[in-house]
Each structure stands twice: as C-alpha cells, then as structure tokens.
Amino acid sequence: MILVNIDHITGKNLEIIGLVKGSTIQSRNLGRDITQGFKTLVGGELKAYNEMMMEARALATKRMAMEAQELGADAVINIRYTSAAIMQGAAEVLAYGTAVKFLP
C-alpha cells in the first residue's frame, strides 16, 4: 500500500475509490502526567506525550490503510492528520485521505 500526502503518484493513472479514514482516542497516563508536569516547570520537550501522539498517529494511519485495503485500493493519496481534545486528558487523532486504484 502506497501512502502519500500529495494528490498524484508519478507515472500512475488513478481511479478514485473514495475517502478513507482511521482514528484513535488516546488518554493520558497518571504517571506520565506527574513526570511531564514537573517537566513543564523547567521547560523542554515533553517526550512521553510526544511518543504517545506518535503512536496514536501510527495507529490511525494503520486503520486508514486497512480500510483502503478492504476497498481494494492500491494507494491512499492526499493524506492529512487532525487531532482534537475529546475530554480533559483525552485526544482523538484522525488520519484521512483518498483511496485510489492504479489503472493499466
């Protein structure tokens, strides 16, 4: 499965299948909150939260690719990501794009 954030794949003629998406909701961990809270006092990167969001993006991308594969797609183009707070301490990460098939 080819995944790109542009609207074409060089050398390929594409047939659009449709929108595909994948999402996950991640919640904060109390242990992480305590250590990251101390980090905000001195500044710097919040590595535990960064890792959590990287994992969430990877899972959302995997779910999007699985949906595209179920539709018979060869690739997903125009991939975008968005995130939103769902409630205090939880965020949703959404990956979405256009599933396409390669034409001969």
N, C-alpha and C. Protein backbone atom coordinates (compact mmCIF):
# COMPACT_ATOMS: atom_id res chain seq x y z
N MET A 1 0.86 -1.18 0.00
CA MET A 1 0.00 0.00 0.00
C MET A 1 0.91 1.23 0.00
N ILE A 2 0.69 2.09 -0.98
CA ILE A 2 1.43 3.36 -1.05
C ILE A 2 0.63 4.42 -0.32
N LEU A 3 1.27 5.17 0.55
CA LEU A 3 0.63 6.24 1.31
C LEU A 3 1.40 7.53 1.04
N VAL A 4 0.72 8.55 0.49
CA VAL A 4 1.38 9.82 0.19
C VAL A 4 0.48 10.99 0.57
N ASN A 5 1.10 12.15 0.78
CA ASN A 5 0.31 13.33 1.12
C ASN A 5 0.22 14.30 -0.05
N ILE A 6 0.42 13.80 -1.27
CA ILE A 6 0.22 14.60 -2.48
C ILE A 6 -0.95 14.01 -3.26
N ASP A 7 -1.41 14.72 -4.29
CA ASP A 7 -2.62 14.29 -4.97
C ASP A 7 -2.38 13.45 -6.22
N HIS A 8 -1.17 12.94 -6.38
CA HIS A 8 -0.87 12.07 -7.53
C HIS A 8 0.30 11.16 -7.18
N ILE A 9 0.49 10.16 -8.02
CA ILE A 9 1.66 9.29 -7.90
C ILE A 9 2.29 9.27 -9.29
N THR A 10 3.49 9.76 -9.37
CA THR A 10 4.16 9.90 -10.65
C THR A 10 4.16 8.58 -11.43
N GLY A 11 3.75 8.69 -12.71
CA GLY A 11 3.76 7.52 -13.59
C GLY A 11 2.55 6.62 -13.45
N LYS A 12 1.59 6.98 -12.61
CA LYS A 12 0.41 6.14 -12.40
C LYS A 12 -0.86 6.90 -12.79
N ASN A 13 -1.75 6.21 -13.48
CA ASN A 13 -3.09 6.73 -13.72
C ASN A 13 -3.97 6.18 -12.60
N LEU A 14 -4.77 7.06 -12.00
CA LEU A 14 -5.51 6.68 -10.80
C LEU A 14 -7.01 6.71 -11.02
N GLU A 15 -7.67 5.74 -10.41
CA GLU A 15 -9.12 5.73 -10.31
C GLU A 15 -9.47 5.97 -8.85
N ILE A 16 -10.25 6.98 -8.58
CA ILE A 16 -10.61 7.33 -7.20
C ILE A 16 -11.67 6.36 -6.69
N ILE A 17 -11.41 5.80 -5.54
CA ILE A 17 -12.38 4.92 -4.88
C ILE A 17 -13.20 5.73 -3.88
N GLY A 18 -12.54 6.54 -3.06
CA GLY A 18 -13.27 7.37 -2.11
C GLY A 18 -12.47 7.67 -0.87
N LEU A 19 -13.11 8.37 0.05
CA LEU A 19 -12.50 8.78 1.31
C LEU A 19 -12.30 7.58 2.22
N VAL A 20 -11.15 7.53 2.85
CA VAL A 20 -10.89 6.52 3.88
C VAL A 20 -10.34 7.25 5.10
N LYS A 21 -10.58 6.67 6.26
CA LYS A 21 -10.12 7.31 7.49
C LYS A 21 -9.81 6.27 8.54
N GLY A 22 -9.02 6.69 9.49
CA GLY A 22 -8.70 5.87 10.65
C GLY A 22 -8.53 6.79 11.83
N SER A 23 -8.94 6.35 12.99
CA SER A 23 -8.79 7.21 14.16
C SER A 23 -8.51 6.39 15.41
N THR A 24 -8.06 7.09 16.42
CA THR A 24 -7.87 6.50 17.74
C THR A 24 -8.03 7.61 18.76
N ILE A 25 -8.43 7.22 19.94
CA ILE A 25 -8.53 8.17 21.05
C ILE A 25 -7.55 7.70 22.12
N GLN A 26 -6.67 8.58 22.49
CA GLN A 26 -5.64 8.27 23.49
C GLN A 26 -5.91 9.08 24.75
N SER A 27 -5.70 8.46 25.89
CA SER A 27 -5.84 9.19 27.15
C SER A 27 -4.48 9.27 27.83
N ARG A 28 -4.35 10.27 28.64
CA ARG A 28 -3.10 10.46 29.36
C ARG A 28 -2.99 9.44 30.48
N ASN A 29 -1.77 9.20 30.88
CA ASN A 29 -1.44 8.25 31.94
C ASN A 29 -1.05 9.05 33.18
N LEU A 30 -1.59 8.70 34.35
CA LEU A 30 -1.31 9.46 35.57
C LEU A 30 0.18 9.56 35.85
N GLY A 31 0.91 8.47 35.68
CA GLY A 31 2.36 8.50 35.89
C GLY A 31 3.03 9.46 34.94
N ARG A 32 2.61 9.44 33.68
CA ARG A 32 3.15 10.39 32.68
C ARG A 32 2.82 11.82 33.08
N ASP A 33 1.58 12.04 33.53
CA ASP A 33 1.16 13.39 33.90
C ASP A 33 2.05 13.97 34.98
N ILE A 34 2.38 13.16 35.97
CA ILE A 34 3.21 13.66 37.09
C ILE A 34 4.60 14.03 36.58
N THR A 35 5.23 13.13 35.83
CA THR A 35 6.59 13.42 35.35
C THR A 35 6.59 14.56 34.34
N GLN A 36 5.58 14.60 33.46
CA GLN A 36 5.53 15.66 32.48
C GLN A 36 5.16 17.00 33.12
N GLY A 37 4.38 16.95 34.20
CA GLY A 37 4.06 18.17 34.95
C GLY A 37 5.31 18.81 35.51
N PHE A 38 6.23 18.01 36.03
CA PHE A 38 7.50 18.55 36.52
C PHE A 38 8.29 19.15 35.37
N LYS A 39 8.22 18.53 34.22
CA LYS A 39 8.97 19.00 33.05
C LYS A 39 8.50 20.39 32.64
N THR A 40 7.20 20.67 32.79
CA THR A 40 6.70 21.99 32.39
C THR A 40 7.26 23.10 33.28
N LEU A 41 7.73 22.74 34.46
CA LEU A 41 8.32 23.75 35.34
C LEU A 41 9.67 24.25 34.82
N VAL A 42 10.42 23.37 34.20
CA VAL A 42 11.76 23.74 33.73
C VAL A 42 11.82 23.92 32.21
N GLY A 43 10.79 23.52 31.50
CA GLY A 43 10.76 23.67 30.05
C GLY A 43 11.38 22.50 29.33
N GLY A 44 11.18 22.45 28.05
CA GLY A 44 11.74 21.40 27.23
C GLY A 44 10.67 20.51 26.63
N GLU A 45 11.12 19.56 25.85
CA GLU A 45 10.21 18.65 25.15
C GLU A 45 9.54 17.68 26.12
N LEU A 46 8.26 17.48 25.93
CA LEU A 46 7.50 16.51 26.73
C LEU A 46 7.54 15.18 25.98
N LYS A 47 8.62 14.45 26.16
CA LYS A 47 8.89 13.25 25.37
C LYS A 47 7.82 12.18 25.51
N ALA A 48 7.29 11.99 26.72
CA ALA A 48 6.27 10.95 26.91
C ALA A 48 5.01 11.27 26.10
N TYR A 49 4.61 12.54 26.07
CA TYR A 49 3.43 12.93 25.29
C TYR A 49 3.74 12.86 23.80
N ASN A 50 4.95 13.23 23.42
CA ASN A 50 5.36 13.15 22.03
C ASN A 50 5.28 11.69 21.55
N GLU A 51 5.78 10.76 22.34
CA GLU A 51 5.72 9.34 22.00
C GLU A 51 4.27 8.86 21.92
N MET A 52 3.43 9.30 22.84
CA MET A 52 2.03 8.91 22.83
C MET A 52 1.35 9.37 21.54
N MET A 53 1.61 10.60 21.12
CA MET A 53 0.99 11.12 19.91
C MET A 53 1.56 10.45 18.65
N MET A 54 2.84 10.10 18.66
CA MET A 54 3.42 9.37 17.53
C MET A 54 2.75 8.01 17.38
N GLU A 55 2.55 7.34 18.51
CA GLU A 55 1.87 6.04 18.48
C GLU A 55 0.43 6.18 18.00
N ALA A 56 -0.24 7.25 18.42
CA ALA A 56 -1.63 7.48 18.01
C ALA A 56 -1.69 7.74 16.50
N ARG A 57 -0.77 8.54 15.96
CA ARG A 57 -0.76 8.79 14.51
C ARG A 57 -0.49 7.50 13.74
N ALA A 58 0.43 6.68 14.24
CA ALA A 58 0.75 5.41 13.58
C ALA A 58 -0.47 4.49 13.56
N LEU A 59 -1.20 4.41 14.66
CA LEU A 59 -2.38 3.56 14.74
C LEU A 59 -3.49 4.08 13.83
N ALA A 60 -3.70 5.39 13.81
CA ALA A 60 -4.71 5.98 12.94
C ALA A 60 -4.36 5.72 11.47
N THR A 61 -3.08 5.83 11.13
CA THR A 61 -2.63 5.58 9.76
C THR A 61 -2.86 4.12 9.38
N LYS A 62 -2.53 3.22 10.30
CA LYS A 62 -2.73 1.78 10.04
C LYS A 62 -4.20 1.48 9.80
N ARG A 63 -5.07 2.05 10.59
CA ARG A 63 -6.51 1.81 10.44
C ARG A 63 -7.02 2.38 9.12
N MET A 64 -6.51 3.55 8.72
CA MET A 64 -6.89 4.14 7.44
C MET A 64 -6.45 3.23 6.29
N ALA A 65 -5.22 2.74 6.34
CA ALA A 65 -4.69 1.86 5.30
C ALA A 65 -5.49 0.56 5.23
N MET A 66 -5.90 0.03 6.38
CA MET A 66 -6.70 -1.20 6.40
C MET A 66 -8.06 -0.97 5.74
N GLU A 67 -8.67 0.18 5.99
CA GLU A 67 -9.95 0.50 5.36
C GLU A 67 -9.77 0.59 3.84
N ALA A 68 -8.67 1.22 3.40
CA ALA A 68 -8.40 1.34 1.96
C ALA A 68 -8.18 -0.04 1.35
N GLN A 69 -7.46 -0.89 2.03
CA GLN A 69 -7.18 -2.24 1.54
C GLN A 69 -8.49 -3.04 1.39
N GLU A 70 -9.40 -2.89 2.35
CA GLU A 70 -10.69 -3.57 2.28
C GLU A 70 -11.50 -3.13 1.07
N LEU A 71 -11.26 -1.89 0.60
CA LEU A 71 -11.95 -1.38 -0.58
C LEU A 71 -11.24 -1.74 -1.88
N GLY A 72 -10.10 -2.43 -1.77
CA GLY A 72 -9.35 -2.83 -2.95
C GLY A 72 -8.41 -1.77 -3.47
N ALA A 73 -8.06 -0.80 -2.66
CA ALA A 73 -7.18 0.29 -3.09
C ALA A 73 -5.73 -0.17 -3.20
N ASP A 74 -5.00 0.49 -4.10
CA ASP A 74 -3.57 0.28 -4.24
C ASP A 74 -2.78 1.33 -3.47
N ALA A 75 -3.43 2.46 -3.20
CA ALA A 75 -2.73 3.57 -2.54
C ALA A 75 -3.74 4.49 -1.87
N VAL A 76 -3.23 5.34 -1.00
CA VAL A 76 -4.02 6.42 -0.42
C VAL A 76 -3.24 7.70 -0.69
N ILE A 77 -3.91 8.66 -1.33
CA ILE A 77 -3.27 9.93 -1.64
C ILE A 77 -3.89 11.04 -0.79
N ASN A 78 -3.23 12.19 -0.77
CA ASN A 78 -3.73 13.36 -0.04
C ASN A 78 -3.97 13.08 1.44
N ILE A 79 -3.09 12.36 2.07
CA ILE A 79 -3.27 12.01 3.49
C ILE A 79 -3.10 13.25 4.36
N ARG A 80 -4.00 13.40 5.29
CA ARG A 80 -3.97 14.50 6.25
C ARG A 80 -4.22 13.94 7.64
N TYR A 81 -3.79 14.72 8.64
CA TYR A 81 -3.99 14.35 10.04
C TYR A 81 -4.63 15.52 10.76
N THR A 82 -5.45 15.19 11.74
CA THR A 82 -6.02 16.20 12.60
C THR A 82 -6.16 15.61 14.00
N SER A 83 -6.19 16.46 14.98
CA SER A 83 -6.41 15.98 16.35
C SER A 83 -7.33 16.95 17.07
N ALA A 84 -8.02 16.44 18.07
CA ALA A 84 -8.95 17.25 18.84
C ALA A 84 -9.06 16.69 20.24
N ALA A 85 -9.25 17.58 21.19
CA ALA A 85 -9.49 17.16 22.57
C ALA A 85 -10.92 16.62 22.64
N ILE A 86 -11.07 15.45 23.22
CA ILE A 86 -12.39 14.83 23.37
C ILE A 86 -12.96 15.18 24.74
N MET A 87 -12.11 15.11 25.73
CA MET A 87 -12.45 15.47 27.10
C MET A 87 -11.13 15.77 27.79
N GLN A 88 -11.17 16.26 29.00
CA GLN A 88 -9.93 16.55 29.70
C GLN A 88 -9.09 15.28 29.80
N GLY A 89 -7.89 15.33 29.26
CA GLY A 89 -6.98 14.21 29.35
C GLY A 89 -7.08 13.19 28.23
N ALA A 90 -7.93 13.46 27.20
CA ALA A 90 -8.05 12.52 26.09
C ALA A 90 -8.12 13.28 24.77
N ALA A 91 -7.46 12.74 23.76
CA ALA A 91 -7.45 13.38 22.44
C ALA A 91 -7.67 12.34 21.35
N GLU A 92 -8.36 12.76 20.30
CA GLU A 92 -8.55 11.90 19.14
C GLU A 92 -7.56 12.32 18.06
N VAL A 93 -6.97 11.35 17.40
CA VAL A 93 -6.14 11.59 16.23
C VAL A 93 -6.85 10.93 15.06
N LEU A 94 -7.03 11.69 13.99
CA LEU A 94 -7.72 11.21 12.80
C LEU A 94 -6.79 11.32 11.60
N ALA A 95 -6.65 10.23 10.84
CA ALA A 95 -5.91 10.23 9.58
C ALA A 95 -6.94 10.00 8.48
N TYR A 96 -6.87 10.77 7.40
CA TYR A 96 -7.81 10.58 6.31
C TYR A 96 -7.15 10.90 4.97
N GLY A 97 -7.67 10.29 3.93
CA GLY A 97 -7.13 10.50 2.60
C GLY A 97 -8.06 9.90 1.56
N THR A 98 -7.60 9.89 0.32
CA THR A 98 -8.38 9.39 -0.80
C THR A 98 -7.81 8.05 -1.26
N ALA A 99 -8.62 7.02 -1.19
CA ALA A 99 -8.22 5.70 -1.65
C ALA A 99 -8.30 5.67 -3.17
N VAL A 100 -7.26 5.10 -3.82
CA VAL A 100 -7.23 5.03 -5.28
C VAL A 100 -6.75 3.65 -5.73
N LYS A 101 -7.14 3.33 -6.96
CA LYS A 101 -6.67 2.11 -7.64
C LYS A 101 -5.83 2.55 -8.82
N PHE A 102 -4.82 1.77 -9.16
CA PHE A 102 -3.99 2.04 -10.32
C PHE A 102 -4.70 1.52 -11.57
N LEU A 103 -4.75 2.34 -12.60
CA LEU A 103 -5.31 1.92 -13.89
C LEU A 103 -4.17 1.41 -14.77
N PRO A 104 -4.47 0.44 -15.66
CA PRO A 104 -3.41 -0.10 -16.54
C PRO A 104 -2.91 0.96 -17.53
